[in-house]
């Protein structure tokens, strides 16, 4: 007990002396009376402190690394989540820009043809009700959509509505083999029936088998009356190939549709057709006519007057120039009479 009590007393005394020395050293600053002792202690114990620090620091850093490993993993996961969120936001912005551009084209077509349309988006692609080329749009009876309405986009004819639900509708695409539409040639006004052929170009059958057609001729919907009517004047496509059909009076005409059916997104359902046929007003601008490859050479210009020989007769008394362009020689003066 006495030893313990004495030890505590010594410890308290040493602590008191230490605090006193620290206080004196701090108050003295650079002129502290203990500066010499401090420098001596630093010179004696400094190398030992540096050696101990060099031996202990790697262990301490390893312990800190193990302790902070969990927090680093959490930070990495947080950064990955933030990057994924930013990439998704960027993709959404680009998708919104594309949809705005498609909607702008659709509204331009609707304005040119005086169609009243209900914009919609394609939400599903695939077979429906036995049809092989169909899409589902996010508009239904609640939006005024009815069966057999014409569906368009900013490029032209997409198809027609085949079935309608409260919030969605099924659209039969113009490329489906069961799809057909009355068509009219721009300019010549020739009428025919255009049908789908799946992933092949559409096929046109003109009512006039002798009609004059050529690649590049353009088609629009003819429009019709009845339960399966189409809005008139909707661009359908361009003629790409004309082939004679053996044993038939008509020609096989292939048509490349204006619409890209593999990338459909924004479409418009024509809920009210125009009061009058827009004719060819909705068609895109026709390509500029190219000049002929070998135009006829212009006729050669006549020779200049200076290059043409003179036709003025010579030998006359009043001629001023001869045929060679020189002045004529003067006649010798006649001699006197004998």
C-alpha atoms as a PDB file:
ATOM      1  CA  UNK A   1       0.000   0.000   0.000  1.00  0.00           C
ATOM      2  CA  UNK A   2       2.810   2.335   0.936  1.00  0.00           C
ATOM      3  CA  UNK A   3       4.584   1.631  -2.372  1.00  0.00           C
ATOM      4  CA  UNK A   4       1.415   2.345  -4.327  1.00  0.00           C
ATOM      5  CA  UNK A   5       0.782   5.543  -2.441  1.00  0.00           C
ATOM      6  CA  UNK A   6       4.372   6.653  -2.926  1.00  0.00           C
ATOM      7  CA  UNK A   7       4.270   5.830  -6.643  1.00  0.00           C
ATOM      8  CA  UNK A   8       1.146   7.887  -7.110  1.00  0.00           C
ATOM      9  CA  UNK A   9       2.712  10.810  -5.273  1.00  0.00           C
ATOM     10  CA  UNK A  10       5.830  10.612  -7.479  1.00  0.00           C
ATOM     11  CA  UNK A  11       3.667  10.456 -10.625  1.00  0.00           C
ATOM     12  CA  UNK A  12       1.629  13.466  -9.568  1.00  0.00           C
ATOM     13  CA  UNK A  13       4.796  15.388  -8.779  1.00  0.00           C
ATOM     14  CA  UNK A  14       6.340  14.583 -12.165  1.00  0.00           C
ATOM     15  CA  UNK A  15       3.165  15.640 -13.951  1.00  0.00           C
ATOM     16  CA  UNK A  16       3.120  18.916 -12.063  1.00  0.00           C
ATOM     17  CA  UNK A  17       6.757  19.569 -12.949  1.00  0.00           C
ATOM     18  CA  UNK A  18       6.046  18.711 -16.601  1.00  0.00           C
ATOM     19  CA  UNK A  19       3.124  21.132 -16.817  1.00  0.00           C
ATOM     20  CA  UNK A  20       5.223  23.836 -15.177  1.00  0.00           C
ATOM     21  CA  UNK A  21       8.081  23.319 -17.649  1.00  0.00           C
ATOM     22  CA  UNK A  22       5.673  23.315 -20.601  1.00  0.00           C
ATOM     23  CA  UNK A  23       4.107  26.546 -19.391  1.00  0.00           C
ATOM     24  CA  UNK A  24       7.476  28.231 -18.945  1.00  0.00           C
ATOM     25  CA  UNK A  25       8.636  27.017 -22.378  1.00  0.00           C
ATOM     26  CA  UNK A  26       5.501  28.266 -24.133  1.00  0.00           C
ATOM     27  CA  UNK A  27       5.625  31.676 -22.479  1.00  0.00           C
ATOM     28  CA  UNK A  28       9.294  32.075 -23.221  1.00  0.00           C
ATOM     29  CA  UNK A  29       8.888  31.354 -26.930  1.00  0.00           C
ATOM     30  CA  UNK A  30      12.207  31.555 -28.756  1.00  0.00           C
ATOM     31  CA  UNK A  31      13.895  33.055 -25.681  1.00  0.00           C
ATOM     32  CA  UNK A  32      12.721  30.212 -23.433  1.00  0.00           C
ATOM     33  CA  UNK A  33      15.320  29.150 -20.810  1.00  0.00           C
ATOM     34  CA  UNK A  34      14.504  25.552 -21.719  1.00  0.00           C
ATOM     35  CA  UNK A  35      15.353  25.905 -25.414  1.00  0.00           C
ATOM     36  CA  UNK A  36      18.870  24.527 -24.879  1.00  0.00           C
ATOM     37  CA  UNK A  37      17.515  21.501 -23.038  1.00  0.00           C
ATOM     38  CA  UNK A  38      14.878  20.984 -25.723  1.00  0.00           C
ATOM     39  CA  UNK A  39      17.470  21.066 -28.495  1.00  0.00           C
ATOM     40  CA  UNK A  40      19.680  18.650 -26.542  1.00  0.00           C
ATOM     41  CA  UNK A  41      16.758  16.245 -26.053  1.00  0.00           C
ATOM     42  CA  UNK A  42      15.842  16.494 -29.755  1.00  0.00           C
ATOM     43  CA  UNK A  43      19.401  15.667 -30.767  1.00  0.00           C
ATOM     44  CA  UNK A  44      19.529  12.677 -28.387  1.00  0.00           C
ATOM     45  CA  UNK A  45      16.084  11.200 -28.879  1.00  0.00           C
ATOM     46  CA  UNK A  46      15.370  12.353 -32.507  1.00  0.00           C
ATOM     47  CA  UNK A  47      17.024   9.409 -34.290  1.00  0.00           C
ATOM     48  CA  UNK A  48      15.204   6.955 -32.046  1.00  0.00           C
ATOM     49  CA  UNK A  49      11.877   8.658 -32.739  1.00  0.00           C
ATOM     50  CA  UNK A  50      12.497   8.581 -36.511  1.00  0.00           C
ATOM     51  CA  UNK A  51      13.430   4.903 -36.414  1.00  0.00           C
ATOM     52  CA  UNK A  52      10.379   4.055 -34.348  1.00  0.00           C
ATOM     53  CA  UNK A  53       8.165   6.090 -36.712  1.00  0.00           C
ATOM     54  CA  UNK A  54       9.634   4.367 -39.789  1.00  0.00           C
ATOM     55  CA  UNK A  55       8.926   0.982 -38.243  1.00  0.00           C
ATOM     56  CA  UNK A  56       5.458   1.802 -36.957  1.00  0.00           C
ATOM     57  CA  UNK A  57       4.052   3.946 -39.850  1.00  0.00           C
ATOM     58  CA  UNK A  58       3.632   1.074 -42.401  1.00  0.00           C
ATOM     59  CA  UNK A  59       1.752  -0.924 -39.806  1.00  0.00           C
ATOM     60  CA  UNK A  60      -0.438   2.081 -39.058  1.00  0.00           C
ATOM     61  CA  UNK A  61      -1.108   2.707 -42.744  1.00  0.00           C
ATOM     62  CA  UNK A  62      -2.018  -0.946 -43.256  1.00  0.00           C
ATOM     63  CA  UNK A  63      -4.426  -0.800 -40.338  1.00  0.00           C
ATOM     64  CA  UNK A  64      -5.955   2.419 -41.735  1.00  0.00           C
ATOM     65  CA  UNK A  65      -6.293   0.842 -45.191  1.00  0.00           C
ATOM     66  CA  UNK A  66      -8.089  -2.183 -43.765  1.00  0.00           C
ATOM     67  CA  UNK A  67     -10.316   0.070 -41.696  1.00  0.00           C
ATOM     68  CA  UNK A  68     -11.112   2.350 -44.698  1.00  0.00           C
ATOM     69  CA  UNK A  69     -11.544  -0.453 -47.256  1.00  0.00           C
ATOM     70  CA  UNK A  70     -15.259  -0.671 -46.607  1.00  0.00           C
ATOM     71  CA  UNK A  71     -15.775   3.069 -47.022  1.00  0.00           C
ATOM     72  CA  UNK A  72     -13.800   3.044 -50.334  1.00  0.00           C
ATOM     73  CA  UNK A  73     -15.976   0.271 -51.731  1.00  0.00           C
ATOM     74  CA  UNK A  74     -19.079   2.231 -50.783  1.00  0.00           C
ATOM     75  CA  UNK A  75     -17.671   5.313 -52.522  1.00  0.00           C
ATOM     76  CA  UNK A  76     -16.874   3.320 -55.681  1.00  0.00           C
ATOM     77  CA  UNK A  77     -20.380   1.906 -55.764  1.00  0.00           C
ATOM     78  CA  UNK A  78     -21.819   5.379 -55.298  1.00  0.00           C
ATOM     79  CA  UNK A  79     -19.731   6.749 -58.182  1.00  0.00           C
ATOM     80  CA  UNK A  80     -20.768   3.851 -60.448  1.00  0.00           C
ATOM     81  CA  UNK A  81     -24.428   4.478 -59.662  1.00  0.00           C
ATOM     82  CA  UNK A  82     -24.035   8.180 -60.392  1.00  0.00           C
ATOM     83  CA  UNK A  83     -22.307   7.447 -63.730  1.00  0.00           C
ATOM     84  CA  UNK A  84     -25.051   5.027 -64.733  1.00  0.00           C
ATOM     85  CA  UNK A  85     -27.683   7.628 -63.837  1.00  0.00           C
ATOM     86  CA  UNK A  86     -25.910  10.316 -65.900  1.00  0.00           C
ATOM     87  CA  UNK A  87     -25.617   7.983 -68.911  1.00  0.00           C
ATOM     88  CA  UNK A  88     -29.323   7.178 -68.667  1.00  0.00           C
ATOM     89  CA  UNK A  89     -30.203  10.870 -68.492  1.00  0.00           C
ATOM     90  CA  UNK A  90     -28.050  11.552 -71.569  1.00  0.00           C
ATOM     91  CA  UNK A  91     -29.760   8.748 -73.493  1.00  0.00           C
ATOM     92  CA  UNK A  92     -33.155  10.103 -72.472  1.00  0.00           C
ATOM     93  CA  UNK A  93     -32.208  13.576 -73.715  1.00  0.00           C
ATOM     94  CA  UNK A  94     -31.100  12.178 -77.079  1.00  0.00           C
ATOM     95  CA  UNK A  95     -34.284  10.093 -77.343  1.00  0.00           C
ATOM     96  CA  UNK A  96     -36.415  13.130 -76.529  1.00  0.00           C
ATOM     97  CA  UNK A  97     -34.659  15.126 -79.251  1.00  0.00           C
ATOM     98  CA  UNK A  98     -35.338  12.379 -81.794  1.00  0.00           C
ATOM     99  CA  UNK A  99     -38.999  12.203 -80.795  1.00  0.00           C
ATOM    100  CA  UNK A 100     -39.383  15.970 -81.005  1.00  0.00           C
ATOM    101  CA  UNK A 101     -37.952  15.866 -84.544  1.00  0.00           C
ATOM    102  CA  UNK A 102     -40.366  13.067 -85.541  1.00  0.00           C
ATOM    103  CA  UNK A 103     -43.319  14.916 -84.043  1.00  0.00           C
ATOM    104  CA  UNK A 104     -42.327  18.058 -85.940  1.00  0.00           C
ATOM    105  CA  UNK A 105     -42.268  16.119 -89.232  1.00  0.00           C
ATOM    106  CA  UNK A 106     -45.646  14.558 -88.416  1.00  0.00           C
ATOM    107  CA  UNK A 107     -47.232  17.931 -87.723  1.00  0.00           C
ATOM    108  CA  UNK A 108     -45.769  19.292 -90.971  1.00  0.00           C
ATOM    109  CA  UNK A 109     -47.401  16.468 -92.958  1.00  0.00           C
ATOM    110  CA  UNK A 110     -50.699  16.940 -91.099  1.00  0.00           C
ATOM    111  CA  UNK A 111     -50.639  20.654 -91.873  1.00  0.00           C
ATOM    112  CA  UNK A 112     -49.839  20.125 -95.566  1.00  0.00           C
ATOM    113  CA  UNK A 113     -52.638  17.582 -96.002  1.00  0.00           C
ATOM    114  CA  UNK A 114     -55.110  19.253 -93.606  1.00  0.00           C
ATOM    115  CA  UNK A 115     -55.343  16.019 -91.580  1.00  0.00           C
ATOM    116  CA  UNK A 116     -56.564  16.106 -88.000  1.00  0.00           C
ATOM    117  CA  UNK A 117     -54.282  13.615 -86.243  1.00  0.00           C
ATOM    118  CA  UNK A 118     -53.874  12.111 -82.796  1.00  0.00           C
ATOM    119  CA  UNK A 119     -50.155  11.608 -82.042  1.00  0.00           C
ATOM    120  CA  UNK A 120     -49.208   8.277 -80.472  1.00  0.00           C
ATOM    121  CA  UNK A 121     -46.139   6.187 -79.766  1.00  0.00           C
ATOM    122  CA  UNK A 122     -45.350   2.629 -80.775  1.00  0.00           C
ATOM    123  CA  UNK A 123     -45.159   0.595 -77.556  1.00  0.00           C
ATOM    124  CA  UNK A 124     -44.984  -2.960 -78.913  1.00  0.00           C
ATOM    125  CA  UNK A 125     -44.129  -4.795 -82.128  1.00  0.00           C
ATOM    126  CA  UNK A 126     -45.154  -8.294 -83.047  1.00  0.00           C
ATOM    127  CA  UNK A 127     -47.953 -10.649 -84.080  1.00  0.00           C
ATOM    128  CA  UNK A 128     -51.433  -9.742 -82.960  1.00  0.00           C
ATOM    129  CA  UNK A 129     -54.739 -11.340 -83.938  1.00  0.00           C
ATOM    130  CA  UNK A 130     -53.112 -13.433 -86.646  1.00  0.00           C
ATOM    131  CA  UNK A 131     -51.361 -10.521 -88.412  1.00  0.00           C
ATOM    132  CA  UNK A 132     -47.614 -10.822 -88.871  1.00  0.00           C
ATOM    133  CA  UNK A 133     -46.731  -7.150 -89.482  1.00  0.00           C
ATOM    134  CA  UNK A 134     -48.364  -5.130 -86.713  1.00  0.00           C
ATOM    135  CA  UNK A 135     -47.518  -2.636 -83.985  1.00  0.00           C
ATOM    136  CA  UNK A 136     -49.336  -1.512 -80.863  1.00  0.00           C
ATOM    137  CA  UNK A 137     -49.750   2.201 -80.142  1.00  0.00           C
ATOM    138  CA  UNK A 138     -50.573   3.920 -76.843  1.00  0.00           C
ATOM    139  CA  UNK A 139     -53.864   5.474 -77.982  1.00  0.00           C
ATOM    140  CA  UNK A 140     -57.321   3.910 -77.874  1.00  0.00           C
ATOM    141  CA  UNK A 141     -61.033   4.602 -77.781  1.00  0.00           C
ATOM    142  CA  UNK A 142     -60.501   7.164 -75.024  1.00  0.00           C
ATOM    143  CA  UNK A 143     -58.486   9.210 -77.536  1.00  0.00           C
ATOM    144  CA  UNK A 144     -61.078   8.992 -80.287  1.00  0.00           C
ATOM    145  CA  UNK A 145     -59.387   6.144 -82.166  1.00  0.00           C
ATOM    146  CA  UNK A 146     -61.643   3.908 -84.253  1.00  0.00           C
ATOM    147  CA  UNK A 147     -61.127   0.839 -86.377  1.00  0.00           C
ATOM    148  CA  UNK A 148     -59.853   1.318 -89.972  1.00  0.00           C
ATOM    149  CA  UNK A 149     -58.475   4.809 -89.358  1.00  0.00           C
ATOM    150  CA  UNK A 150     -55.383   5.739 -91.394  1.00  0.00           C
ATOM    151  CA  UNK A 151     -52.052   5.836 -89.532  1.00  0.00           C
ATOM    152  CA  UNK A 152     -49.229   8.066 -90.794  1.00  0.00           C
ATOM    153  CA  UNK A 153     -45.912   9.527 -89.640  1.00  0.00           C
ATOM    154  CA  UNK A 154     -43.628  12.289 -90.870  1.00  0.00           C
ATOM    155  CA  UNK A 155     -42.603  10.204 -93.929  1.00  0.00           C
ATOM    156  CA  UNK A 156     -45.944   8.899 -95.171  1.00  0.00           C
ATOM    157  CA  UNK A 157     -48.342   5.950 -94.877  1.00  0.00           C
ATOM    158  CA  UNK A 158     -47.771   3.608 -91.917  1.00  0.00           C
ATOM    159  CA  UNK A 159     -50.927   1.473 -92.040  1.00  0.00           C
ATOM    160  CA  UNK A 160     -54.458   1.295 -90.669  1.00  0.00           C
ATOM    161  CA  UNK A 161     -56.034   0.542 -87.308  1.00  0.00           C
ATOM    162  CA  UNK A 162     -57.406  -3.015 -87.092  1.00  0.00           C
ATOM    163  CA  UNK A 163     -58.505  -3.245 -83.454  1.00  0.00           C
ATOM    164  CA  UNK A 164     -58.981  -0.748 -80.644  1.00  0.00           C
ATOM    165  CA  UNK A 165     -58.930  -1.038 -76.864  1.00  0.00           C
ATOM    166  CA  UNK A 166     -59.588   1.555 -74.176  1.00  0.00           C
ATOM    167  CA  UNK A 167     -55.941   2.707 -74.063  1.00  0.00           C
ATOM    168  CA  UNK A 168     -54.155   0.953 -76.961  1.00  0.00           C
ATOM    169  CA  UNK A 169     -54.766   0.042 -80.598  1.00  0.00           C
ATOM    170  CA  UNK A 170     -53.303  -2.430 -83.081  1.00  0.00           C
ATOM    171  CA  UNK A 171     -52.048  -1.096 -86.422  1.00  0.00           C
ATOM    172  CA  UNK A 172     -51.652  -3.280 -89.515  1.00  0.00           C
ATOM    173  CA  UNK A 173     -48.517  -2.056 -91.278  1.00  0.00           C
ATOM    174  CA  UNK A 174     -48.527  -1.254 -94.991  1.00  0.00           C
ATOM    175  CA  UNK A 175     -45.853  -3.923 -95.542  1.00  0.00           C
ATOM    176  CA  UNK A 176     -48.129  -6.760 -94.395  1.00  0.00           C
ATOM    177  CA  UNK A 177     -49.057  -9.132 -97.281  1.00  0.00           C
ATOM    178  CA  UNK A 178     -52.722  -8.675 -96.341  1.00  0.00           C
ATOM    179  CA  UNK A 179     -52.547  -4.891 -96.648  1.00  0.00           C
ATOM    180  CA  UNK A 180     -53.743  -3.067 -99.787  1.00  0.00           C
ATOM    181  CA  UNK A 181     -54.541   0.542-100.540  1.00  0.00           C
ATOM    182  CA  UNK A 182     -55.838   2.465-103.542  1.00  0.00           C
ATOM    183  CA  UNK A 183     -52.992   4.549-104.952  1.00  0.00           C
ATOM    184  CA  UNK A 184     -52.601   7.311-107.511  1.00  0.00           C
ATOM    185  CA  UNK A 185     -49.528   8.255-109.523  1.00  0.00           C
ATOM    186  CA  UNK A 186     -48.404  11.821-108.935  1.00  0.00           C
ATOM    187  CA  UNK A 187     -48.695  13.861-112.102  1.00  0.00           C
ATOM    188  CA  UNK A 188     -50.187  11.251-114.452  1.00  0.00           C
ATOM    189  CA  UNK A 189     -53.130  10.543-112.100  1.00  0.00           C
ATOM    190  CA  UNK A 190     -53.047   6.831-113.010  1.00  0.00           C
ATOM    191  CA  UNK A 191     -54.855   4.716-110.407  1.00  0.00           C
ATOM    192  CA  UNK A 192     -53.868   1.307-109.056  1.00  0.00           C
ATOM    193  CA  UNK A 193     -53.725  -0.959-106.002  1.00  0.00           C
ATOM    194  CA  UNK A 194     -50.596  -1.119-103.839  1.00  0.00           C
ATOM    195  CA  UNK A 195     -50.108  -4.184-101.632  1.00  0.00           C
ATOM    196  CA  UNK A 196     -47.526  -5.165 -99.027  1.00  0.00           C
ATOM    197  CA  UNK A 197     -44.998  -7.955 -99.503  1.00  0.00           C
ATOM    198  CA  UNK A 198     -43.413  -8.289 -96.082  1.00  0.00           C
ATOM    199  CA  UNK A 199     -39.738  -7.392 -96.080  1.00  0.00           C
ATOM    200  CA  UNK A 200     -39.778  -6.988 -99.882  1.00  0.00           C
ATOM    201  CA  UNK A 201     -40.768  -3.789-101.729  1.00  0.00           C
ATOM    202  CA  UNK A 202     -44.487  -3.130-102.096  1.00  0.00           C
ATOM    203  CA  UNK A 203     -46.228  -4.119-105.338  1.00  0.00           C
ATOM    204  CA  UNK A 204     -48.352  -1.848-107.533  1.00  0.00           C
ATOM    205  CA  UNK A 205     -50.982  -3.034-109.985  1.00  0.00           C
ATOM    206  CA  UNK A 206     -52.282  -0.252-112.225  1.00  0.00           C
ATOM    207  CA  UNK A 207     -55.795  -0.384-113.614  1.00  0.00           C
ATOM    208  CA  UNK A 208     -54.397   0.744-116.968  1.00  0.00           C
ATOM    209  CA  UNK A 209     -51.896  -1.904-118.014  1.00  0.00           C
ATOM    210  CA  UNK A 210     -50.566   0.332-120.771  1.00  0.00           C
ATOM    211  CA  UNK A 211     -49.902   3.313-118.538  1.00  0.00           C
ATOM    212  CA  UNK A 212     -46.515   4.929-119.018  1.00  0.00           C
ATOM    213  CA  UNK A 213     -44.512   4.732-115.787  1.00  0.00           C
ATOM    214  CA  UNK A 214     -40.829   4.961-114.955  1.00  0.00           C
ATOM    215  CA  UNK A 215     -38.572   4.530-111.918  1.00  0.00           C
ATOM    216  CA  UNK A 216     -38.826   7.520-109.626  1.00  0.00           C
ATOM    217  CA  UNK A 217     -42.570   8.046-110.165  1.00  0.00           C
ATOM    218  CA  UNK A 218     -44.294   8.691-106.839  1.00  0.00           C
ATOM    219  CA  UNK A 219     -47.489   7.369-105.303  1.00  0.00           C
ATOM    220  CA  UNK A 220     -50.056   8.780-102.883  1.00  0.00           C
ATOM    221  CA  UNK A 221     -53.192   7.244-101.412  1.00  0.00           C
ATOM    222  CA  UNK A 222     -56.228   7.640-103.627  1.00  0.00           C
ATOM    223  CA  UNK A 223     -58.701   7.859-100.778  1.00  0.00           C
ATOM    224  CA  UNK A 224     -61.944   5.947-100.588  1.00  0.00           C
ATOM    225  CA  UNK A 225     -65.356   5.891 -99.017  1.00  0.00           C
ATOM    226  CA  UNK A 226     -66.802   3.167 -96.844  1.00  0.00           C
ATOM    227  CA  UNK A 227     -65.933   1.239 -93.677  1.00  0.00           C
ATOM    228  CA  UNK A 228     -62.282   0.772 -94.727  1.00  0.00           C
ATOM    229  CA  UNK A 229     -61.537   4.229 -96.064  1.00  0.00           C
ATOM    230  CA  UNK A 230     -58.101   5.820 -96.333  1.00  0.00           C
ATOM    231  CA  UNK A 231     -57.234   9.471 -96.025  1.00  0.00           C
ATOM    232  CA  UNK A 232     -56.350  10.812 -99.503  1.00  0.00           C
ATOM    233  CA  UNK A 233     -53.022  12.280-100.544  1.00  0.00           C
ATOM    234  CA  UNK A 234     -50.814  10.409 -98.049  1.00  0.00           C
ATOM    235  CA  UNK A 235     -47.362   9.646 -99.568  1.00  0.00           C
ATOM    236  CA  UNK A 236     -46.892   5.902-100.175  1.00  0.00           C
ATOM    237  CA  UNK A 237     -43.552   5.465-101.970  1.00  0.00           C
ATOM    238  CA  UNK A 238     -41.528   5.624-105.181  1.00  0.00           C
ATOM    239  CA  UNK A 239     -41.413   3.250-108.152  1.00  0.00           C
ATOM    240  CA  UNK A 240     -38.069   1.433-108.176  1.00  0.00           C
ATOM    241  CA  UNK A 241     -38.467  -1.324-110.790  1.00  0.00           C
ATOM    242  CA  UNK A 242     -40.795  -2.224-113.657  1.00  0.00           C
ATOM    243  CA  UNK A 243     -40.873  -5.755-115.058  1.00  0.00           C
ATOM    244  CA  UNK A 244     -42.962  -7.340-117.789  1.00  0.00           C
ATOM    245  CA  UNK A 245     -45.057 -10.238-116.528  1.00  0.00           C
ATOM    246  CA  UNK A 246     -44.987 -13.268-118.901  1.00  0.00           C
ATOM    247  CA  UNK A 247     -48.465 -14.159-120.132  1.00  0.00           C
ATOM    248  CA  UNK A 248     -50.075 -11.094-118.558  1.00  0.00           C
ATOM    249  CA  UNK A 249     -51.169  -7.770-119.939  1.00  0.00           C
ATOM    250  CA  UNK A 250     -50.010  -5.842-116.880  1.00  0.00           C
ATOM    251  CA  UNK A 251     -46.523  -5.045-115.611  1.00  0.00           C
ATOM    252  CA  UNK A 252     -45.044  -5.845-112.237  1.00  0.00           C
ATOM    253  CA  UNK A 253     -44.190  -2.574-110.539  1.00  0.00           C
ATOM    254  CA  UNK A 254     -42.177  -2.502-107.312  1.00  0.00           C
ATOM    255  CA  UNK A 255     -42.522   0.430-104.932  1.00  0.00           C
ATOM    256  CA  UNK A 256     -40.130   1.457-102.180  1.00  0.00           C
ATOM    257  CA  UNK A 257     -42.195   2.870 -99.282  1.00  0.00           C
ATOM    258  CA  UNK A 258     -41.271   6.216 -97.778  1.00  0.00           C
ATOM    259  CA  UNK A 259     -41.694   4.936 -94.211  1.00  0.00           C
ATOM    260  CA  UNK A 260     -38.895   3.034 -92.437  1.00  0.00           C
ATOM    261  CA  UNK A 261     -40.987   0.355 -90.728  1.00  0.00           C
ATOM    262  CA  UNK A 262     -38.114  -1.067 -88.677  1.00  0.00           C
ATOM    263  CA  UNK A 263     -37.651   2.185 -86.713  1.00  0.00           C
ATOM    264  CA  UNK A 264     -41.183   3.352 -85.993  1.00  0.00           C
ATOM    265  CA  UNK A 265     -41.703   5.432 -82.859  1.00  0.00           C
ATOM    266  CA  UNK A 266     -43.962   8.479 -83.190  1.00  0.00           C
ATOM    267  CA  UNK A 267     -47.035   8.089 -85.414  1.00  0.00           C
ATOM    268  CA  UNK A 268     -50.300   9.907 -85.939  1.00  0.00           C
ATOM    269  CA  UNK A 269     -53.809   8.494 -86.360  1.00  0.00           C
ATOM    270  CA  UNK A 270     -55.932  10.490 -88.813  1.00  0.00           C
ATOM    271  CA  UNK A 271     -59.096  10.990 -86.753  1.00  0.00           C
ATOM    272  CA  UNK A 272     -60.580  13.377 -89.328  1.00  0.00           C
ATOM    273  CA  UNK A 273     -59.669  13.374 -93.051  1.00  0.00           C
ATOM    274  CA  UNK A 274     -59.394  16.628 -95.038  1.00  0.00           C
ATOM    275  CA  UNK A 275     -62.478  18.143 -96.635  1.00  0.00           C
ATOM    276  CA  UNK A 276     -60.830  18.049-100.060  1.00  0.00           C
ATOM    277  CA  UNK A 277     -58.164  15.840-101.612  1.00  0.00           C
ATOM    278  CA  UNK A 278     -54.745  17.469-101.083  1.00  0.00           C
ATOM    279  CA  UNK A 279     -53.567  15.799-104.307  1.00  0.00           C
ATOM    280  CA  UNK A 280     -49.756  15.901-104.383  1.00  0.00           C
ATOM    281  CA  UNK A 281     -49.286  18.662-101.795  1.00  0.00           C
ATOM    282  CA  UNK A 282     -48.027  16.282 -99.081  1.00  0.00           C
ATOM    283  CA  UNK A 283     -45.326  14.641-101.198  1.00  0.00           C
ATOM    284  CA  UNK A 284     -41.723  15.593-100.438  1.00  0.00           C
ATOM    285  CA  UNK A 285     -39.979  17.869-102.890  1.00  0.00           C
ATOM    286  CA  UNK A 286     -39.051  16.112-106.117  1.00  0.00           C
ATOM    287  CA  UNK A 287     -35.309  15.709-106.792  1.00  0.00           C
ATOM    288  CA  UNK A 288     -33.801  18.304-109.095  1.00  0.00           C
ATOM    289  CA  UNK A 289     -33.534  17.342-112.750  1.00  0.00           C
ATOM    290  CA  UNK A 290     -29.962  16.566-113.803  1.00  0.00           C
ATOM    291  CA  UNK A 291     -28.695  18.146-117.070  1.00  0.00           C
ATOM    292  CA  UNK A 292     -28.029  15.722-119.954  1.00  0.00           C
ATOM    293  CA  UNK A 293     -24.649  14.035-119.853  1.00  0.00           C
ATOM    294  CA  UNK A 294     -23.644  14.996-123.462  1.00  0.00           C
ATOM    295  CA  UNK A 295     -25.471  18.107-124.577  1.00  0.00           C
ATOM    296  CA  UNK A 296     -25.494  18.804-128.319  1.00  0.00           C
ATOM    297  CA  UNK A 297     -22.530  20.879-129.429  1.00  0.00           C
ATOM    298  CA  UNK A 298     -23.541  24.401-130.571  1.00  0.00           C
ATOM    299  CA  UNK A 299     -23.305  25.212-134.254  1.00  0.00           C
ATOM    300  CA  UNK A 300     -19.970  26.681-135.306  1.00  0.00           C
ATOM    301  CA  UNK A 301     -19.909  30.460-135.519  1.00  0.00           C
ATOM    302  CA  UNK A 302     -19.530  31.998-138.973  1.00  0.00           C
ATOM    303  CA  UNK A 303     -16.112  33.195-139.939  1.00  0.00           C
ATOM    304  CA  UNK A 304     -15.322  36.821-139.197  1.00  0.00           C
ATOM    305  CA  UNK A 305     -15.606  39.281-142.040  1.00  0.00           C
ATOM    306  CA  UNK A 306     -11.845  39.860-141.978  1.00  0.00           C
ATOM    307  CA  UNK A 307     -11.248  36.203-142.813  1.00  0.00           C
ATOM    308  CA  UNK A 308     -13.617  36.170-145.784  1.00  0.00           C
ATOM    309  CA  UNK A 309     -12.240  37.023-149.232  1.00  0.00           C
ATOM    310  CA  UNK A 310     -13.473  40.233-150.825  1.00  0.00           C
ATOM    311  CA  UNK A 311     -15.987  39.896-153.604  1.00  0.00           C
ATOM    312  CA  UNK A 312     -15.588  43.446-154.914  1.00  0.00           C
ATOM    313  CA  UNK A 313     -14.882  43.255-158.680  1.00  0.00           C
ATOM    314  CA  UNK A 314     -11.574  44.615-159.815  1.00  0.00           C
ATOM    315  CA  UNK A 315     -10.637  46.670-162.828  1.00  0.00           C
ATOM    316  CA  UNK A 316     -13.340  49.295-162.367  1.00  0.00           C
ATOM    317  CA  UNK A 317     -12.504  52.892-162.235  1.00  0.00           C
ATOM    318  CA  UNK A 318     -14.044  53.448-158.782  1.00  0.00           C
ATOM    319  CA  UNK A 319     -12.702  50.363-157.000  1.00  0.00           C
ATOM    320  CA  UNK A 320     -10.725  51.192-153.913  1.00  0.00           C
ATOM    321  CA  UNK A 321      -9.236  47.819-153.029  1.00  0.00           C
ATOM    322  CA  UNK A 322      -8.210  44.756-154.930  1.00  0.00           C
ATOM    323  CA  UNK A 323      -8.889  41.163-154.140  1.00  0.00           C
ATOM    324  CA  UNK A 324      -5.742  40.880-152.049  1.00  0.00           C
ATOM    325  CA  UNK A 325      -6.709  43.861-149.914  1.00  0.00           C
ATOM    326  CA  UNK A 326      -4.090  46.208-151.407  1.00  0.00           C
ATOM    327  CA  UNK A 327      -4.918  49.448-153.266  1.00  0.00           C
ATOM    328  CA  UNK A 328      -4.873  48.998-157.052  1.00  0.00           C
ATOM    329  CA  UNK A 329      -1.919  50.270-159.042  1.00  0.00           C
ATOM    330  CA  UNK A 330      -2.452  53.604-160.734  1.00  0.00           C
ATOM    331  CA  UNK A 331      -2.771  53.617-164.546  1.00  0.00           C
ATOM    332  CA  UNK A 332       0.202  55.288-166.319  1.00  0.00           C
ATOM    333  CA  UNK A 333      -0.490  58.746-167.621  1.00  0.00           C
ATOM    334  CA  UNK A 334      -1.236  58.564-171.344  1.00  0.00           C
ATOM    335  CA  UNK A 335       1.380  60.138-173.550  1.00  0.00           C
ATOM    336  CA  UNK A 336       0.682  63.233-175.591  1.00  0.00           C
ATOM    337  CA  UNK A 337      -0.758  63.045-179.070  1.00  0.00           C
ATOM    338  CA  UNK A 338       1.437  62.705-182.068  1.00  0.00           C
END
